[in-house]
Amino acid sequence: MSGKIEMVGEFAQSEMAVIAIIDTSGSMGGEKIGQVNDGMRKAVEYLCDFNDESIDVAVKVGCLTFSSGAEWLNPKKPLEDPLNFVWHDVNAGGYTDFGAACKELEKVLTVEEKGGWMKSRGGIAPVLILMSDGIPTDAYGKALNNLKKRGWFKGALKTAIAIGHDADKDMLEQFTGNVEAIFDVTAFQDLSKVIRKLVVTASMVQSQTTSMTNADGESDTSNLTFDQVEAQKEQISQLKESVDASINDADLADDF
């Protein structure tokens, strides 16, 4: 389960989850879902390299899809070593049940003692990347509010990709807590590159943070300090600069 400390040689490694939450509703069909599959497959390959080169951080990867309901790509093991993670192409179809995705994510971002995949103390808060092209079709407010109470969610580096012109920016901002954390992709041929670059950069940035400061992963009342909020804003600024540069530089297309 995620959050544990592993030993590599004489070094202790803290686990960090990188989770993609992907809208696979009917409107995501065609080029969009193809770009998502390509981007995620290559992103997982990068995370394998990341773990090979990292001394103090071990990444676990997970993928949660939502359409008519929500499910993990590997329901029995939502988070696993990228070396053992097999990407199975996802298909588009159905509704946009974002609330169902929030409920599933909350289960995983719950401490091990209560059936989740997170340690109650220590570890590095996860990277969460939400991708959507439309408007939720379920009443997601309560589920999202419950998710926001999780200490691991509060400390997470939360980003979103707004795919096309019909993406619900209000919903994405509610998830990320910061409109600057939303990356717009209207040229669908750029989507795979944005996914790869975002996974690459977000993993690097978050892995350099301190351990999760909300030691009680179940806390409903503790909030991030002013310094922690400012640090998250700086992380998002770094991501924006890096991802925007990759979109505008065709030479970077094959590098990520």
Foldseek 3Di string as FASTA:
>chain_A
DAQDWDDDPNEIAGEAEEEEEEEQAQVCDDLNLVLVLLLVVVLLVVLLVVQVPDRHYFYWYWYWYDFPAIATPDNVDRTGHSVPDDRDRDHHHHHGAVLNVLQVVLQQLADVVVNHPHHLFWGFQYEYEYEDAADHPDDNVVSLLQSCQFLSQQRYLYAYEHEADHRDLVVSCSSRVDSLRYHYDRPSVCSSVLSNLLSVLRVVLRVPDGIRPNSGRNGRPDHDDPVSVVSSVVSSVVSSVRSVVCSVDVVCSVVD
